């Protein structure tokens, strides 16, 4: 699964869209007071292909794995995207909760985002 070559040029989203997605992931973490630095970066991701369960089409995706954080961006045939990037950091000012991951979804120029918030056991 790792190390597959990037999808064919006609199948892969352009670098501007990937940059928009990475920036949106960092921004949603920032809204909650967390700084991910330059993460995620498209250059740290590996291109893979995933079959869309609804259309049966092969869809490109970017995957971050094997480093400090994991995540993925799925590019669907109709132009939608869904991205999730692992954060696993305490929520500033709240000792009982943490940000599990940040998510971005939608279409180019109209991305929405939010965080997945967890509660520490105890």
PDB file of N, CA and C in Angstrom:
ATOM      1  N   UNK A   1       0.816  -1.189   0.000  1.00  0.00           N
ATOM      2  CA  UNK A   1       0.000   0.000   0.000  1.00  0.00           C
ATOM      3  C   UNK A   1       0.862   1.255   0.000  1.00  0.00           C
ATOM      4  N   UNK A   2       1.904   1.308   0.796  1.00  0.00           N
ATOM      5  CA  UNK A   2       2.794   2.463   0.830  1.00  0.00           C
ATOM      6  C   UNK A   2       3.647   2.507  -0.411  1.00  0.00           C
ATOM      7  N   UNK A   3       4.064   3.719  -0.786  1.00  0.00           N
ATOM      8  CA  UNK A   3       5.022   3.868  -1.846  1.00  0.00           C
ATOM      9  C   UNK A   3       4.465   3.744  -3.242  1.00  0.00           C
ATOM     10  N   UNK A   4       3.157   3.667  -3.406  1.00  0.00           N
ATOM     11  CA  UNK A   4       2.606   3.608  -4.748  1.00  0.00           C
ATOM     12  C   UNK A   4       2.914   4.912  -5.457  1.00  0.00           C
ATOM     13  N   UNK A   5       3.115   4.845  -6.765  1.00  0.00           N
ATOM     14  CA  UNK A   5       3.356   6.086  -7.491  1.00  0.00           C
ATOM     15  C   UNK A   5       2.109   6.962  -7.458  1.00  0.00           C
ATOM     16  N   UNK A   6       2.279   8.264  -7.699  1.00  0.00           N
ATOM     17  CA  UNK A   6       1.114   9.142  -7.704  1.00  0.00           C
ATOM     18  C   UNK A   6       0.157   8.749  -8.819  1.00  0.00           C
ATOM     19  N   UNK A   7      -1.121   9.101  -8.683  1.00  0.00           N
ATOM     20  CA  UNK A   7      -2.069   8.787  -9.745  1.00  0.00           C
ATOM     21  C   UNK A   7      -1.693   9.533 -11.018  1.00  0.00           C
ATOM     22  N   UNK A   8      -2.253   9.077 -12.118  1.00  0.00           N
ATOM     23  CA  UNK A   8      -2.001   9.741 -13.385  1.00  0.00           C
ATOM     24  C   UNK A   8      -2.406  11.202 -13.283  1.00  0.00           C
ATOM     25  N   UNK A   9      -1.736  12.046 -14.039  1.00  0.00           N
ATOM     26  CA  UNK A   9      -1.965  13.492 -13.947  1.00  0.00           C
ATOM     27  C   UNK A   9      -3.428  13.855 -14.123  1.00  0.00           C
ATOM     28  N   UNK A  10      -4.125  13.173 -14.995  1.00  0.00           N
ATOM     29  CA  UNK A  10      -5.526  13.518 -15.214  1.00  0.00           C
ATOM     30  C   UNK A  10      -6.414  13.107 -14.044  1.00  0.00           C
ATOM     31  N   UNK A  11      -5.928  12.242 -13.167  1.00  0.00           N
ATOM     32  CA  UNK A  11      -6.706  11.776 -12.025  1.00  0.00           C
ATOM     33  C   UNK A  11      -6.379  12.508 -10.732  1.00  0.00           C
ATOM     34  N   UNK A  12      -5.227  13.184 -10.659  1.00  0.00           N
ATOM     35  CA  UNK A  12      -4.807  13.755  -9.384  1.00  0.00           C
ATOM     36  C   UNK A  12      -5.230  15.216  -9.264  1.00  0.00           C
ATOM     37  N   UNK A  13      -5.669  15.598  -8.067  1.00  0.00           N
ATOM     38  CA  UNK A  13      -6.027  16.999  -7.827  1.00  0.00           C
ATOM     39  C   UNK A  13      -4.793  17.885  -7.955  1.00  0.00           C
ATOM     40  N   UNK A  14      -5.006  19.130  -8.303  1.00  0.00           N
ATOM     41  CA  UNK A  14      -3.862  20.014  -8.488  1.00  0.00           C
ATOM     42  C   UNK A  14      -3.248  20.415  -7.155  1.00  0.00           C
ATOM     43  N   UNK A  15      -2.027  20.894  -7.224  1.00  0.00           N
ATOM     44  CA  UNK A  15      -1.292  21.233  -6.004  1.00  0.00           C
ATOM     45  C   UNK A  15      -1.924  22.387  -5.243  1.00  0.00           C
ATOM     46  N   UNK A  16      -2.601  23.298  -5.938  1.00  0.00           N
ATOM     47  CA  UNK A  16      -3.267  24.413  -5.246  1.00  0.00           C
ATOM     48  C   UNK A  16      -4.374  23.897  -4.336  1.00  0.00           C
ATOM     49  N   UNK A  17      -5.147  22.921  -4.802  1.00  0.00           N
ATOM     50  CA  UNK A  17      -6.207  22.351  -3.976  1.00  0.00           C
ATOM     51  C   UNK A  17      -5.616  21.621  -2.776  1.00  0.00           C
ATOM     52  N   UNK A  18      -4.559  20.869  -2.982  1.00  0.00           N
ATOM     53  CA  UNK A  18      -3.914  20.165  -1.872  1.00  0.00           C
ATOM     54  C   UNK A  18      -3.392  21.180  -0.851  1.00  0.00           C
ATOM     55  N   UNK A  19      -2.813  22.263  -1.323  1.00  0.00           N
ATOM     56  CA  UNK A  19      -2.346  23.318  -0.426  1.00  0.00           C
ATOM     57  C   UNK A  19      -3.490  23.947   0.353  1.00  0.00           C
ATOM     58  N   UNK A  20      -4.628  24.160  -0.299  1.00  0.00           N
ATOM     59  CA  UNK A  20      -5.812  24.718   0.357  1.00  0.00           C
ATOM     60  C   UNK A  20      -6.296  23.788   1.475  1.00  0.00           C
ATOM     61  N   UNK A  21      -6.269  22.505   1.214  1.00  0.00           N
ATOM     62  CA  UNK A  21      -6.712  21.513   2.202  1.00  0.00           C
ATOM     63  C   UNK A  21      -5.756  21.488   3.395  1.00  0.00           C
ATOM     64  N   UNK A  22      -4.457  21.449   3.134  1.00  0.00           N
ATOM     65  CA  UNK A  22      -3.469  21.431   4.224  1.00  0.00           C
ATOM     66  C   UNK A  22      -3.597  22.687   5.081  1.00  0.00           C
ATOM     67  N   UNK A  23      -3.758  23.831   4.438  1.00  0.00           N
ATOM     68  CA  UNK A  23      -3.929  25.086   5.163  1.00  0.00           C
ATOM     69  C   UNK A  23      -5.198  25.064   6.014  1.00  0.00           C
ATOM     70  N   UNK A  24      -6.283  24.545   5.474  1.00  0.00           N
ATOM     71  CA  UNK A  24      -7.544  24.471   6.221  1.00  0.00           C
ATOM     72  C   UNK A  24      -7.412  23.553   7.435  1.00  0.00           C
ATOM     73  N   UNK A  25      -6.664  22.468   7.315  1.00  0.00           N
ATOM     74  CA  UNK A  25      -6.448  21.575   8.463  1.00  0.00           C
ATOM     75  C   UNK A  25      -5.682  22.303   9.565  1.00  0.00           C
ATOM     76  N   UNK A  26      -4.654  23.054   9.191  1.00  0.00           N
ATOM     77  CA  UNK A  26      -3.900  23.828  10.187  1.00  0.00           C
ATOM     78  C   UNK A  26      -4.770  24.911  10.823  1.00  0.00           C
ATOM     79  N   UNK A  27      -5.593  25.557  10.019  1.00  0.00           N
ATOM     80  CA  UNK A  27      -6.443  26.635  10.526  1.00  0.00           C
ATOM     81  C   UNK A  27      -7.476  26.144  11.531  1.00  0.00           C
ATOM     82  N   UNK A  28      -8.059  24.981  11.295  1.00  0.00           N
ATOM     83  CA  UNK A  28      -9.061  24.496  12.254  1.00  0.00           C
ATOM     84  C   UNK A  28      -8.393  24.189  13.589  1.00  0.00           C
ATOM     85  N   UNK A  29      -7.182  23.654  13.576  1.00  0.00           N
ATOM     86  CA  UNK A  29      -6.453  23.436  14.833  1.00  0.00           C
ATOM     87  C   UNK A  29      -6.197  24.774  15.514  1.00  0.00           C
ATOM     88  N   UNK A  30      -5.841  25.788  14.741  1.00  0.00           N
ATOM     89  CA  UNK A  30      -5.591  27.119  15.281  1.00  0.00           C
ATOM     90  C   UNK A  30      -6.818  27.738  15.919  1.00  0.00           C
ATOM     91  N   UNK A  31      -7.989  27.459  15.387  1.00  0.00           N
ATOM     92  CA  UNK A  31      -9.224  27.981  15.990  1.00  0.00           C
ATOM     93  C   UNK A  31      -9.406  27.493  17.419  1.00  0.00           C
ATOM     94  N   UNK A  32      -8.818  26.347  17.725  1.00  0.00           N
ATOM     95  CA  UNK A  32      -8.920  25.769  19.068  1.00  0.00           C
ATOM     96  C   UNK A  32      -7.668  26.048  19.890  1.00  0.00           C
ATOM     97  N   UNK A  33      -6.809  26.947  19.405  1.00  0.00           N
ATOM     98  CA  UNK A  33      -5.628  27.354  20.153  1.00  0.00           C
ATOM     99  C   UNK A  33      -4.433  26.440  20.002  1.00  0.00           C
ATOM    100  N   UNK A  34      -4.428  25.587  18.992  1.00  0.00           N
ATOM    101  CA  UNK A  34      -3.316  24.660  18.780  1.00  0.00           C
ATOM    102  C   UNK A  34      -2.536  25.050  17.534  1.00  0.00           C
ATOM    103  N   UNK A  35      -1.223  24.934  17.603  1.00  0.00           N
ATOM    104  CA  UNK A  35      -0.357  25.261  16.484  1.00  0.00           C
ATOM    105  C   UNK A  35       0.293  23.976  15.990  1.00  0.00           C
ATOM    106  N   UNK A  36      -0.032  23.587  14.767  1.00  0.00           N
ATOM    107  CA  UNK A  36       0.561  22.380  14.174  1.00  0.00           C
ATOM    108  C   UNK A  36       1.832  22.697  13.392  1.00  0.00           C
ATOM    109  N   UNK A  37       2.281  23.939  13.470  1.00  0.00           N
ATOM    110  CA  UNK A  37       3.462  24.327  12.712  1.00  0.00           C
ATOM    111  C   UNK A  37       3.178  24.231  11.221  1.00  0.00           C
ATOM    112  N   UNK A  38       4.042  23.563  10.496  1.00  0.00           N
ATOM    113  CA  UNK A  38       3.861  23.407   9.052  1.00  0.00           C
ATOM    114  C   UNK A  38       3.126  22.126   8.688  1.00  0.00           C
ATOM    115  N   UNK A  39       2.701  21.376   9.678  1.00  0.00           N
ATOM    116  CA  UNK A  39       1.968  20.133   9.404  1.00  0.00           C
ATOM    117  C   UNK A  39       0.512  20.450   9.137  1.00  0.00           C
ATOM    118  N   UNK A  40      -0.144  19.687   8.322  1.00  0.00           N
ATOM    119  CA  UNK A  40       0.410  18.696   7.403  1.00  0.00           C
ATOM    120  C   UNK A  40       0.964  19.356   6.141  1.00  0.00           C
ATOM    121  N   UNK A  41       1.930  18.687   5.546  1.00  0.00           N
ATOM    122  CA  UNK A  41       2.519  19.143   4.284  1.00  0.00           C
ATOM    123  C   UNK A  41       2.253  18.087   3.221  1.00  0.00           C
ATOM    124  N   UNK A  42       1.908  18.542   2.046  1.00  0.00           N
ATOM    125  CA  UNK A  42       1.630  17.591   0.966  1.00  0.00           C
ATOM    126  C   UNK A  42       2.868  16.772   0.621  1.00  0.00           C
ATOM    127  N   UNK A  43       4.046  17.350   0.822  1.00  0.00           N
ATOM    128  CA  UNK A  43       5.282  16.645   0.483  1.00  0.00           C
ATOM    129  C   UNK A  43       5.567  15.482   1.426  1.00  0.00           C
ATOM    130  N   UNK A  44       4.901  15.438   2.576  1.00  0.00           N
ATOM    131  CA  UNK A  44       5.076  14.333   3.523  1.00  0.00           C
ATOM    132  C   UNK A  44       4.071  13.209   3.294  1.00  0.00           C
ATOM    133  N   UNK A  45       3.194  13.382   2.325  1.00  0.00           N
ATOM    134  CA  UNK A  45       2.130  12.397   2.087  1.00  0.00           C
ATOM    135  C   UNK A  45       2.486  11.483   0.920  1.00  0.00           C
ATOM    136  N   UNK A  46       1.837  10.340   0.902  1.00  0.00           N
ATOM    137  CA  UNK A  46       2.003   9.357  -0.163  1.00  0.00           C
ATOM    138  C   UNK A  46       0.687   9.247  -0.922  1.00  0.00           C
ATOM    139  N   UNK A  47       0.772   9.273  -2.250  1.00  0.00           N
ATOM    140  CA  UNK A  47      -0.433   9.073  -3.059  1.00  0.00           C
ATOM    141  C   UNK A  47      -0.813   7.607  -3.055  1.00  0.00           C
ATOM    142  N   UNK A  48      -2.096   7.355  -2.918  1.00  0.00           N
ATOM    143  CA  UNK A  48      -2.639   6.011  -3.033  1.00  0.00           C
ATOM    144  C   UNK A  48      -3.923   6.102  -3.849  1.00  0.00           C
ATOM    145  N   UNK A  49      -4.507   4.964  -4.124  1.00  0.00           N
ATOM    146  CA  UNK A  49      -5.794   4.912  -4.795  1.00  0.00           C
ATOM    147  C   UNK A  49      -6.744   4.124  -3.909  1.00  0.00           C
ATOM    148  N   UNK A  50      -7.975   4.605  -3.822  1.00  0.00           N
ATOM    149  CA  UNK A  50      -8.995   3.937  -3.016  1.00  0.00           C
ATOM    150  C   UNK A  50     -10.254   3.829  -3.865  1.00  0.00           C
ATOM    151  N   UNK A  51     -10.935   2.708  -3.782  1.00  0.00           N
ATOM    152  CA  UNK A  51     -12.173   2.540  -4.526  1.00  0.00           C
ATOM    153  C   UNK A  51     -13.318   3.176  -3.758  1.00  0.00           C
ATOM    154  N   UNK A  52     -14.033   4.085  -4.425  1.00  0.00           N
ATOM    155  CA  UNK A  52     -15.204   4.718  -3.824  1.00  0.00           C
ATOM    156  C   UNK A  52     -16.302   3.665  -3.709  1.00  0.00           C
ATOM    157  N   UNK A  53     -16.802   3.403  -2.484  1.00  0.00           N
ATOM    158  CA  UNK A  53     -17.792   2.338  -2.309  1.00  0.00           C
ATOM    159  C   UNK A  53     -19.125   2.618  -3.009  1.00  0.00           C
ATOM    160  N   UNK A  54     -19.427   3.872  -3.291  1.00  0.00           N
ATOM    161  CA  UNK A  54     -20.707   4.201  -3.928  1.00  0.00           C
ATOM    162  C   UNK A  54     -20.631   4.149  -5.440  1.00  0.00           C
ATOM    163  N   UNK A  55     -19.573   4.715  -6.010  1.00  0.00           N
ATOM    164  CA  UNK A  55     -19.470   4.767  -7.473  1.00  0.00           C
ATOM    165  C   UNK A  55     -18.677   3.588  -8.043  1.00  0.00           C
ATOM    166  N   UNK A  56     -17.849   2.955  -7.201  1.00  0.00           N
ATOM    167  CA  UNK A  56     -16.986   1.887  -7.679  1.00  0.00           C
ATOM    168  C   UNK A  56     -15.763   2.402  -8.420  1.00  0.00           C
ATOM    169  N   UNK A  57     -15.608   3.723  -8.499  1.00  0.00           N
ATOM    170  CA  UNK A  57     -14.470   4.316  -9.205  1.00  0.00           C
ATOM    171  C   UNK A  57     -13.245   4.367  -8.310  1.00  0.00           C
ATOM    172  N   UNK A  58     -12.083   4.275  -8.947  1.00  0.00           N
ATOM    173  CA  UNK A  58     -10.838   4.465  -8.213  1.00  0.00           C
ATOM    174  C   UNK A  58     -10.628   5.955  -7.994  1.00  0.00           C
ATOM    175  N   UNK A  59     -10.354   6.332  -6.756  1.00  0.00           N
ATOM    176  CA  UNK A  59     -10.200   7.739  -6.395  1.00  0.00           C
ATOM    177  C   UNK A  59      -8.817   7.956  -5.797  1.00  0.00           C
ATOM    178  N   UNK A  60      -8.173   9.061  -6.168  1.00  0.00           N
ATOM    179  CA  UNK A  60      -6.881   9.364  -5.552  1.00  0.00           C
ATOM    180  C   UNK A  60      -7.066   9.791  -4.109  1.00  0.00           C
ATOM    181  N   UNK A  61      -6.047   9.525  -3.319  1.00  0.00           N
ATOM    182  CA  UNK A  61      -6.039  10.001  -1.941  1.00  0.00           C
ATOM    183  C   UNK A  61      -4.599  10.223  -1.517  1.00  0.00           C
ATOM    184  N   UNK A  62      -4.417  11.160  -0.605  1.00  0.00           N
ATOM    185  CA  UNK A  62      -3.123  11.412   0.013  1.00  0.00           C
ATOM    186  C   UNK A  62      -3.161  10.827   1.413  1.00  0.00           C
ATOM    187  N   UNK A  63      -2.084  10.180   1.812  1.00  0.00           N
ATOM    188  CA  UNK A  63      -2.039   9.553   3.133  1.00  0.00           C
ATOM    189  C   UNK A  63      -0.757   9.969   3.839  1.00  0.00           C
ATOM    190  N   UNK A  64      -0.925  10.413   5.087  1.00  0.00           N
ATOM    191  CA  UNK A  64       0.209  10.665   5.977  1.00  0.00           C
ATOM    192  C   UNK A  64       0.226   9.529   6.975  1.00  0.00           C
ATOM    193  N   UNK A  65       1.336   8.812   7.059  1.00  0.00           N
ATOM    194  CA  UNK A  65       1.434   7.754   8.059  1.00  0.00           C
ATOM    195  C   UNK A  65       2.887   7.473   8.374  1.00  0.00           C
ATOM    196  N   UNK A  66       3.099   6.936   9.568  1.00  0.00           N
ATOM    197  CA  UNK A  66       4.421   6.533   9.962  1.00  0.00           C
ATOM    198  C   UNK A  66       5.271   7.609  10.602  1.00  0.00           C
ATOM    199  N   UNK A  67       4.716   8.791  10.790  1.00  0.00           N
ATOM    200  CA  UNK A  67       5.453   9.859  11.465  1.00  0.00           C
ATOM    201  C   UNK A  67       4.700  10.202  12.745  1.00  0.00           C
ATOM    202  N   UNK A  68       4.865  11.411  13.242  1.00  0.00           N
ATOM    203  CA  UNK A  68       4.210  11.805  14.495  1.00  0.00           C
ATOM    204  C   UNK A  68       2.687  11.766  14.381  1.00  0.00           C
ATOM    205  N   UNK A  69       2.147  12.091  13.202  1.00  0.00           N
ATOM    206  CA  UNK A  69       0.700  12.125  13.022  1.00  0.00           C
ATOM    207  C   UNK A  69       0.312  11.398  11.740  1.00  0.00           C
ATOM    208  N   UNK A  70      -0.891  10.858  11.738  1.00  0.00           N
ATOM    209  CA  UNK A  70      -1.445  10.190  10.563  1.00  0.00           C
ATOM    210  C   UNK A  70      -2.636  10.974  10.046  1.00  0.00           C
ATOM    211  N   UNK A  71      -2.974  10.761   8.798  1.00  0.00           N
ATOM    212  CA  UNK A  71      -4.142  11.411   8.226  1.00  0.00           C
ATOM    213  C   UNK A  71      -4.326  11.009   6.780  1.00  0.00           C
ATOM    214  N   UNK A  72      -5.410  11.513   6.184  1.00  0.00           N
ATOM    215  CA  UNK A  72      -5.661  11.223   4.779  1.00  0.00           C
ATOM    216  C   UNK A  72      -6.594  12.261   4.182  1.00  0.00           C
ATOM    217  N   UNK A  73      -6.497  12.394   2.868  1.00  0.00           N
ATOM    218  CA  UNK A  73      -7.412  13.216   2.089  1.00  0.00           C
ATOM    219  C   UNK A  73      -7.966  12.329   0.992  1.00  0.00           C
ATOM    220  N   UNK A  74      -9.291  12.213   0.943  1.00  0.00           N
ATOM    221  CA  UNK A  74      -9.954  11.445  -0.108  1.00  0.00           C
ATOM    222  C   UNK A  74     -10.568  12.408  -1.116  1.00  0.00           C
ATOM    223  N   UNK A  75     -10.314  12.171  -2.399  1.00  0.00           N
ATOM    224  CA  UNK A  75     -10.829  12.987  -3.493  1.00  0.00           C
ATOM    225  C   UNK A  75     -11.874  12.161  -4.231  1.00  0.00           C
ATOM    226  N   UNK A  76     -13.132  12.565  -4.164  1.00  0.00           N
ATOM    227  CA  UNK A  76     -14.225  11.801  -4.751  1.00  0.00           C
ATOM    228  C   UNK A  76     -14.482  12.210  -6.198  1.00  0.00           C
ATOM    229  N   UNK A  77     -15.063  11.299  -6.991  1.00  0.00           N
ATOM    230  CA  UNK A  77     -15.259  11.557  -8.422  1.00  0.00           C
ATOM    231  C   UNK A  77     -16.078  12.812  -8.732  1.00  0.00           C
ATOM    232  N   UNK A  78     -16.982  13.203  -7.847  1.00  0.00           N
ATOM    233  CA  UNK A  78     -17.832  14.369  -8.111  1.00  0.00           C
ATOM    234  C   UNK A  78     -17.203  15.686  -7.668  1.00  0.00           C
ATOM    235  N   UNK A  79     -15.936  15.655  -7.230  1.00  0.00           N
ATOM    236  CA  UNK A  79     -15.237  16.870  -6.852  1.00  0.00           C
ATOM    237  C   UNK A  79     -15.204  17.144  -5.357  1.00  0.00           C
ATOM    238  N   UNK A  80     -15.906  16.357  -4.563  1.00  0.00           N
ATOM    239  CA  UNK A  80     -15.873  16.539  -3.109  1.00  0.00           C
ATOM    240  C   UNK A  80     -14.572  15.989  -2.547  1.00  0.00           C
ATOM    241  N   UNK A  81     -14.207  16.510  -1.376  1.00  0.00           N
ATOM    242  CA  UNK A  81     -13.058  15.966  -0.662  1.00  0.00           C
ATOM    243  C   UNK A  81     -13.462  15.734   0.791  1.00  0.00           C
ATOM    244  N   UNK A  82     -12.740  14.826   1.440  1.00  0.00           N
ATOM    245  CA  UNK A  82     -12.842  14.650   2.889  1.00  0.00           C
ATOM    246  C   UNK A  82     -11.431  14.399   3.389  1.00  0.00           C
ATOM    247  N   UNK A  83     -11.010  15.212   4.365  1.00  0.00           N
ATOM    248  CA  UNK A  83      -9.669  15.079   4.932  1.00  0.00           C
ATOM    249  C   UNK A  83      -9.776  14.976   6.444  1.00  0.00           C
ATOM    250  N   UNK A  84      -8.919  14.149   7.017  1.00  0.00           N
ATOM    251  CA  UNK A  84      -8.825  14.050   8.475  1.00  0.00           C
ATOM    252  C   UNK A  84      -7.356  13.918   8.834  1.00  0.00           C
ATOM    253  N   UNK A  85      -6.932  14.703   9.846  1.00  0.00           N
ATOM    254  CA  UNK A  85      -5.538  14.701  10.265  1.00  0.00           C
ATOM    255  C   UNK A  85      -5.487  14.583  11.784  1.00  0.00           C
ATOM    256  N   UNK A  86      -4.746  13.623  12.260  1.00  0.00           N
ATOM    257  CA  UNK A  86      -4.633  13.331  13.693  1.00  0.00           C
ATOM    258  C   UNK A  86      -3.904  14.453  14.420  1.00  0.00           C
ATOM    259  N   UNK A  87      -4.424  14.853  15.582  1.00  0.00           N
ATOM    260  CA  UNK A  87      -3.804  15.903  16.375  1.00  0.00           C
ATOM    261  C   UNK A  87      -3.350  15.361  17.731  1.00  0.00           C
ATOM    262  N   UNK A  88      -4.271  14.804  18.507  1.00  0.00           N
ATOM    263  CA  UNK A  88      -3.985  14.206  19.816  1.00  0.00           C
ATOM    264  C   UNK A  88      -3.240  15.150  20.756  1.00  0.00           C
ATOM    265  N   UNK A  89      -3.793  16.350  20.923  1.00  0.00           N
ATOM    266  CA  UNK A  89      -3.240  17.332  21.848  1.00  0.00           C
ATOM    267  C   UNK A  89      -4.334  17.827  22.787  1.00  0.00           C
ATOM    268  N   UNK A  90      -3.935  18.135  24.023  1.00  0.00           N
ATOM    269  CA  UNK A  90      -4.887  18.652  25.008  1.00  0.00           C
ATOM    270  C   UNK A  90      -5.497  19.957  24.514  1.00  0.00           C
ATOM    271  N   UNK A  91      -6.761  20.135  24.791  1.00  0.00           N
ATOM    272  CA  UNK A  91      -7.459  21.365  24.440  1.00  0.00           C
ATOM    273  C   UNK A  91      -7.012  22.462  25.402  1.00  0.00           C
ATOM    274  N   UNK A  92      -6.413  23.536  24.905  1.00  0.00           N
ATOM    275  CA  UNK A  92      -5.931  24.589  25.799  1.00  0.00           C
ATOM    276  C   UNK A  92      -7.048  25.102  26.720  1.00  0.00           C
ATOM    277  N   UNK A  93      -6.727  25.206  28.004  1.00  0.00           N
ATOM    278  CA  UNK A  93      -7.684  25.720  28.978  1.00  0.00           C
ATOM    279  C   UNK A  93      -8.736  24.728  29.427  1.00  0.00           C
ATOM    280  N   UNK A  94      -8.626  23.475  28.999  1.00  0.00           N
ATOM    281  CA  UNK A  94      -9.614  22.465  29.376  1.00  0.00           C
ATOM    282  C   UNK A  94      -8.874  21.159  29.672  1.00  0.00           C
ATOM    283  N   UNK A  95      -8.638  20.890  30.940  1.00  0.00           N
ATOM    284  CA  UNK A  95      -7.854  19.723  31.355  1.00  0.00           C
ATOM    285  C   UNK A  95      -8.570  18.397  31.110  1.00  0.00           C
ATOM    286  N   UNK A  96      -9.845  18.443  30.781  1.00  0.00           N
ATOM    287  CA  UNK A  96     -10.614  17.210  30.612  1.00  0.00           C
ATOM    288  C   UNK A  96     -10.778  16.775  29.158  1.00  0.00           C
ATOM    289  N   UNK A  97     -10.454  17.673  28.195  1.00  0.00           N
ATOM    290  CA  UNK A  97     -10.699  17.327  26.792  1.00  0.00           C
ATOM    291  C   UNK A  97      -9.451  17.516  25.935  1.00  0.00           C
ATOM    292  N   UNK A  98      -9.460  16.881  24.769  1.00  0.00           N
ATOM    293  CA  UNK A  98      -8.356  16.979  23.822  1.00  0.00           C
ATOM    294  C   UNK A  98      -8.904  16.987  22.395  1.00  0.00           C
ATOM    295  N   UNK A  99      -8.081  17.450  21.466  1.00  0.00           N
ATOM    296  CA  UNK A  99      -8.435  17.402  20.046  1.00  0.00           C
ATOM    297  C   UNK A  99      -7.886  16.087  19.506  1.00  0.00           C
ATOM    298  N   UNK A 100      -8.777  15.214  19.115  1.00  0.00           N
ATOM    299  CA  UNK A 100      -8.382  13.930  18.532  1.00  0.00           C
ATOM    300  C   UNK A 100      -7.879  14.133  17.104  1.00  0.00           C
ATOM    301  N   UNK A 101      -8.649  14.870  16.304  1.00  0.00           N
ATOM    302  CA  UNK A 101      -8.296  15.089  14.901  1.00  0.00           C
ATOM    303  C   UNK A 101      -8.984  16.357  14.401  1.00  0.00           C
ATOM    304  N   UNK A 102      -8.499  16.858  13.272  1.00  0.00           N
ATOM    305  CA  UNK A 102      -9.168  17.946  12.577  1.00  0.00           C
ATOM    306  C   UNK A 102      -9.661  17.399  11.240  1.00  0.00           C
ATOM    307  N   UNK A 103     -10.800  17.913  10.786  1.00  0.00           N
ATOM    308  CA  UNK A 103     -11.411  17.428   9.556  1.00  0.00           C
ATOM    309  C   UNK A 103     -11.755  18.596   8.643  1.00  0.00           C
ATOM    310  N   UNK A 104     -11.653  18.347   7.345  1.00  0.00           N
ATOM    311  CA  UNK A 104     -12.029  19.305   6.320  1.00  0.00           C
ATOM    312  C   UNK A 104     -12.813  18.543   5.266  1.00  0.00           C
ATOM    313  N   UNK A 105     -13.912  19.147   4.783  1.00  0.00           N
ATOM    314  CA  UNK A 105     -14.715  18.500   3.757  1.00  0.00           C
ATOM    315  C   UNK A 105     -15.354  19.564   2.871  1.00  0.00           C
ATOM    316  N   UNK A 106     -15.843  19.128   1.737  1.00  0.00           N
ATOM    317  CA  UNK A 106     -16.527  20.043   0.823  1.00  0.00           C
ATOM    318  C   UNK A 106     -15.893  20.024  -0.546  1.00  0.00           C
ATOM    319  N   UNK A 107     -15.896  21.196  -1.173  1.00  0.00           N
ATOM    320  CA  UNK A 107     -15.351  21.357  -2.522  1.00  0.00           C
ATOM    321  C   UNK A 107     -14.379  22.529  -2.558  1.00  0.00           C
ATOM    322  N   UNK A 108     -13.571  22.568  -3.578  1.00  0.00           N
ATOM    323  CA  UNK A 108     -12.607  23.655  -3.771  1.00  0.00           C
ATOM    324  C   UNK A 108     -13.298  25.000  -3.563  1.00  0.00           C
ATOM    325  N   UNK A 109     -12.689  25.851  -2.753  1.00  0.00           N
ATOM    326  CA  UNK A 109     -13.225  27.179  -2.508  1.00  0.00           C
ATOM    327  C   UNK A 109     -14.389  27.230  -1.539  1.00  0.00           C
ATOM    328  N   UNK A 110     -14.896  26.076  -1.131  1.00  0.00           N
ATOM    329  CA  UNK A 110     -16.046  26.030  -0.206  1.00  0.00           C
ATOM    330  C   UNK A 110     -15.831  24.923   0.824  1.00  0.00           C
ATOM    331  N   UNK A 111     -14.637  24.921   1.414  1.00  0.00           N
ATOM    332  CA  UNK A 111     -14.323  23.877   2.390  1.00  0.00           C
ATOM    333  C   UNK A 111     -14.899  24.239   3.754  1.00  0.00           C
ATOM    334  N   UNK A 112     -15.363  23.228   4.447  1.00  0.00           N
ATOM    335  CA  UNK A 112     -15.847  23.374   5.822  1.00  0.00           C
ATOM    336  C   UNK A 112     -14.893  22.581   6.699  1.00  0.00           C
ATOM    337  N   UNK A 113     -14.866  22.911   7.989  1.00  0.00           N
ATOM    338  CA  UNK A 113     -13.923  22.215   8.866  1.00  0.00           C
ATOM    339  C   UNK A 113     -14.431  22.178  10.294  1.00  0.00           C
ATOM    340  N   UNK A 114     -13.896  21.240  11.044  1.00  0.00           N
ATOM    341  CA  UNK A 114     -14.204  21.134  12.460  1.00  0.00           C
ATOM    342  C   UNK A 114     -13.162  20.226  13.108  1.00  0.00           C
ATOM    343  N   UNK A 115     -13.250  20.118  14.418  1.00  0.00           N
ATOM    344  CA  UNK A 115     -12.343  19.257  15.179  1.00  0.00           C
ATOM    345  C   UNK A 115     -13.147  18.141  15.820  1.00  0.00           C
ATOM    346  N   UNK A 116     -12.514  17.003  15.978  1.00  0.00           N
ATOM    347  CA  UNK A 116     -13.087  15.884  16.728  1.00  0.00           C
ATOM    348  C   UNK A 116     -12.507  16.007  18.138  1.00  0.00           C
ATOM    349  N   UNK A 117     -13.382  16.243  19.099  1.00  0.00           N
ATOM    350  CA  UNK A 117     -12.951  16.494  20.475  1.00  0.00           C
ATOM    351  C   UNK A 117     -13.249  15.267  21.318  1.00  0.00           C
ATOM    352  N   UNK A 118     -12.241  14.826  22.060  1.00  0.00           N
ATOM    353  CA  UNK A 118     -12.394  13.676  22.951  1.00  0.00           C
ATOM    354  C   UNK A 118     -12.291  14.121  24.404  1.00  0.00           C
ATOM    355  N   UNK A 119     -12.655  13.220  25.279  1.00  0.00           N
ATOM    356  CA  UNK A 119     -12.588  13.481  26.725  1.00  0.00           C
ATOM    357  C   UNK A 119     -11.627  12.465  27.322  1.00  0.00           C
ATOM    358  N   UNK A 120     -10.696  12.983  28.153  1.00  0.00           N
ATOM    359  CA  UNK A 120      -9.762  12.090  28.839  1.00  0.00           C
ATOM    360  C   UNK A 120     -10.546  11.195  29.801  1.00  0.00           C
ATOM    361  N   UNK A 121     -10.154   9.946  29.856  1.00  0.00           N
ATOM    362  CA  UNK A 121     -10.797   9.007  30.804  1.00  0.00           C
ATOM    363  C   UNK A 121     -10.419   9.397  32.212  1.00  0.00           C
ATOM    364  N   UNK A 122     -11.318   9.194  33.095  1.00  0.00           N
ATOM    365  CA  UNK A 122     -10.930   9.507  34.469  1.00  0.00           C
ATOM    366  C   UNK A 122     -12.070   9.740  35.281  1.00  0.00           C
TER     367      UNK A 122
END
